[in-house]
Amino acid sequence: MPKPIRRNTGMWEYLEQSGVLESGNEDAIAAVKKEYQRKYQREYRKKKRKERPEVTLTLSKADWLELTHSAQQHHYSLPAFIKQAALAYLKQTFLVPDREPVSRLEQRLRLCQTDIRVIARHVRKRNLPELNQAYLDLAERIAHLETVIHNAFHNPPQVN
């Protein structure tokens, strides 16, 4: 079953205003439809540029290849990488490398810290205070290391 024709759209209004529907000439109708689509796209882009400004770059092949390679290394699309690199430059921070390995490292540190606390509980039950304190100190150092790594990669220091 063919789709019903929707006659309440902007295109139909445009076609009716242009008067080509009365002639029935398919070539003329197609040309006016094409004209409508161009106008519609132009207005859409104009409206979108007001809401979210766009930037167009022209790059040499060598620059494009270098940016593409760096974007792939950082696991970003090319536009996202260029945006992140520009913002990092303006904020005088460095661009964080792939965040996934950093997250895995933080997760492993948390698991180590949890294992140490479990061992410390077992030591405490056996009443070995000096060993218990050593485990607690180690857990504290791992917690500090986790904080330092998290801050270094999620809130990078400014470059002066």
Protein backbone atom coordinates (compact mmCIF):
# COMPACT_ATOMS: atom_id res chain seq x y z
CA MET A 1 0.00 0.00 0.00
CA PRO A 2 1.53 3.34 -1.02
CA LYS A 3 2.13 6.05 1.55
CA PRO A 4 -0.62 8.67 1.71
CA ILE A 5 0.38 12.08 0.40
CA ARG A 6 0.71 14.65 3.16
CA ARG A 7 -0.53 17.95 1.84
CA ASN A 8 -0.11 19.97 5.04
CA THR A 9 3.68 20.35 4.83
CA GLY A 10 5.74 23.41 4.02
CA MET A 11 6.72 21.93 0.67
CA TRP A 12 3.10 21.60 -0.45
CA GLU A 13 2.41 25.16 0.58
CA TYR A 14 5.46 26.29 -1.39
CA LEU A 15 4.38 24.26 -4.43
CA GLU A 16 0.88 25.71 -4.27
CA GLN A 17 2.19 29.26 -3.89
CA SER A 18 4.50 28.83 -6.87
CA GLY A 19 1.59 27.66 -9.05
CA VAL A 20 3.40 24.67 -10.59
CA LEU A 21 0.87 22.14 -9.32
CA GLU A 22 -1.78 23.53 -11.65
CA SER A 23 0.38 22.97 -14.73
CA GLY A 24 1.08 19.34 -13.82
CA ASN A 25 4.53 19.54 -15.44
CA GLU A 26 6.67 17.04 -13.52
CA ASP A 27 9.96 18.70 -14.49
CA ALA A 28 8.73 22.08 -13.24
CA ILE A 29 7.45 20.50 -10.00
CA ALA A 30 10.80 18.74 -9.48
CA ALA A 31 12.70 22.00 -10.07
CA VAL A 32 10.50 23.90 -7.58
CA LYS A 33 10.89 21.07 -5.03
CA LYS A 34 14.66 21.29 -5.44
CA GLU A 35 14.50 25.06 -4.97
CA TYR A 36 12.38 24.61 -1.82
CA GLN A 37 14.86 22.11 -0.38
CA ARG A 38 17.77 24.48 -1.03
CA LYS A 39 15.92 27.31 0.70
CA TYR A 40 14.91 25.05 3.57
CA GLN A 41 18.50 23.81 4.06
CA ARG A 42 19.88 27.36 3.88
CA GLU A 43 17.43 28.58 6.53
CA TYR A 44 18.07 25.53 8.70
CA ARG A 45 21.85 26.05 8.59
CA LYS A 46 21.43 29.78 9.26
CA LYS A 47 19.29 29.06 12.33
CA LYS A 48 21.67 26.35 13.53
CA ARG A 49 24.72 28.64 13.16
CA LYS A 50 23.00 31.21 15.36
CA GLU A 51 22.41 28.60 18.05
CA ARG A 52 25.76 26.81 17.75
CA PRO A 53 28.50 28.60 15.84
CA GLU A 54 30.56 26.52 13.43
CA VAL A 55 34.18 26.75 12.42
CA THR A 56 35.54 25.50 9.11
CA LEU A 57 39.22 24.67 8.81
CA THR A 58 41.30 24.27 5.70
CA LEU A 59 44.30 22.03 6.32
CA SER A 60 47.23 20.82 4.29
CA LYS A 61 47.36 17.07 3.73
CA ALA A 62 50.29 16.77 6.16
CA ASP A 63 48.47 18.71 8.90
CA TRP A 64 45.31 16.68 8.34
CA LEU A 65 47.25 13.41 8.61
CA GLU A 66 48.98 14.56 11.79
CA LEU A 67 45.71 15.64 13.41
CA THR A 68 43.96 12.44 12.33
CA HIS A 69 46.77 10.33 13.77
CA SER A 70 46.72 12.22 17.08
CA ALA A 71 42.92 12.00 17.27
CA GLN A 72 43.11 8.23 16.82
CA GLN A 73 45.78 7.96 19.52
CA HIS A 74 43.53 9.87 21.94
CA HIS A 75 40.44 7.88 20.85
CA TYR A 76 38.55 10.97 19.68
CA SER A 77 36.89 11.80 16.40
CA LEU A 78 38.81 14.46 14.47
CA PRO A 79 36.37 17.33 15.24
CA ALA A 80 36.18 16.36 18.93
CA PHE A 81 39.98 16.14 19.14
CA ILE A 82 40.47 19.56 17.55
CA LYS A 83 37.90 21.05 19.94
CA GLN A 84 39.46 19.40 23.02
CA ALA A 85 42.99 20.40 21.96
CA ALA A 86 41.97 24.02 21.36
CA LEU A 87 40.17 24.25 24.70
CA ALA A 88 43.09 22.62 26.52
CA TYR A 89 45.41 25.17 24.92
CA LEU A 90 43.20 28.07 25.98
CA LYS A 91 42.89 26.76 29.53
CA GLN A 92 46.63 26.04 29.57
CA THR A 93 46.12 22.40 30.47
CA PHE A 94 47.28 19.30 28.69
CA LEU A 95 45.01 17.03 26.69
CA VAL A 96 44.33 13.89 28.68
CA PRO A 97 45.25 10.70 26.83
CA ASP A 98 42.82 7.83 26.49
CA ARG A 99 40.71 7.87 29.66
CA GLU A 100 39.84 4.16 29.59
CA PRO A 101 43.26 2.85 30.77
CA VAL A 102 43.31 5.54 33.45
CA SER A 103 39.90 4.39 34.69
CA ARG A 104 41.08 0.77 34.71
CA LEU A 105 44.15 1.78 36.73
CA GLU A 106 42.00 3.62 39.26
CA GLN A 107 39.70 0.60 39.51
CA ARG A 108 42.65 -1.75 40.12
CA LEU A 109 43.98 0.56 42.83
CA ARG A 110 40.57 0.49 44.55
CA LEU A 111 40.55 -3.32 44.39
CA CYS A 112 44.04 -3.46 45.95
CA GLN A 113 42.90 -1.12 48.69
CA THR A 114 39.86 -3.32 49.39
CA ASP A 115 42.04 -6.47 49.52
CA ILE A 116 44.43 -4.80 51.97
CA ARG A 117 41.55 -3.82 54.25
CA VAL A 118 40.30 -7.43 54.23
CA ILE A 119 43.78 -8.68 55.14
CA ALA A 120 44.04 -6.03 57.88
CA ARG A 121 40.74 -7.25 59.37
CA HIS A 122 42.08 -10.82 59.49
CA VAL A 123 45.31 -9.61 61.11
CA ARG A 124 43.33 -7.62 63.68
CA LYS A 125 41.37 -10.76 64.59
CA ARG A 126 44.66 -12.57 65.29
CA ASN A 127 45.79 -9.64 67.46
CA LEU A 128 48.93 -8.58 65.54
CA PRO A 129 48.82 -4.78 65.98
CA GLU A 130 52.15 -3.96 64.26
CA LEU A 131 51.20 -5.92 61.12
CA ASN A 132 47.70 -4.45 61.20
CA GLN A 133 49.17 -0.91 61.27
CA ALA A 134 51.49 -1.74 58.35
CA TYR A 135 48.53 -2.89 56.25
CA LEU A 136 46.53 0.20 57.17
CA ASP A 137 49.47 2.46 56.20
CA LEU A 138 49.74 0.65 52.87
CA ALA A 139 46.01 1.11 52.26
CA GLU A 140 46.38 4.82 53.05
CA ARG A 141 49.27 5.16 50.56
CA ILE A 142 47.23 3.44 47.85
CA ALA A 143 44.27 5.74 48.57
CA HIS A 144 46.62 8.73 48.24
CA LEU A 145 48.03 7.34 44.97
CA GLU A 146 44.50 6.84 43.63
CA THR A 147 43.64 10.47 44.46
CA VAL A 148 46.83 11.77 42.83
CA ILE A 149 46.21 9.74 39.64
CA HIS A 150 42.57 10.79 39.51
CA ASN A 151 43.44 14.48 39.90
CA ALA A 152 46.31 14.28 37.41
CA PHE A 153 44.15 12.84 34.65
CA HIS A 154 40.73 14.29 35.38
CA ASN A 155 41.83 17.75 36.56
CA PRO A 156 45.17 18.20 34.80
CA PRO A 157 47.52 20.90 36.07
CA GLN A 158 47.92 24.12 34.14
CA VAL A 159 50.87 24.52 31.82
CA ASN A 160 52.77 27.75 32.51
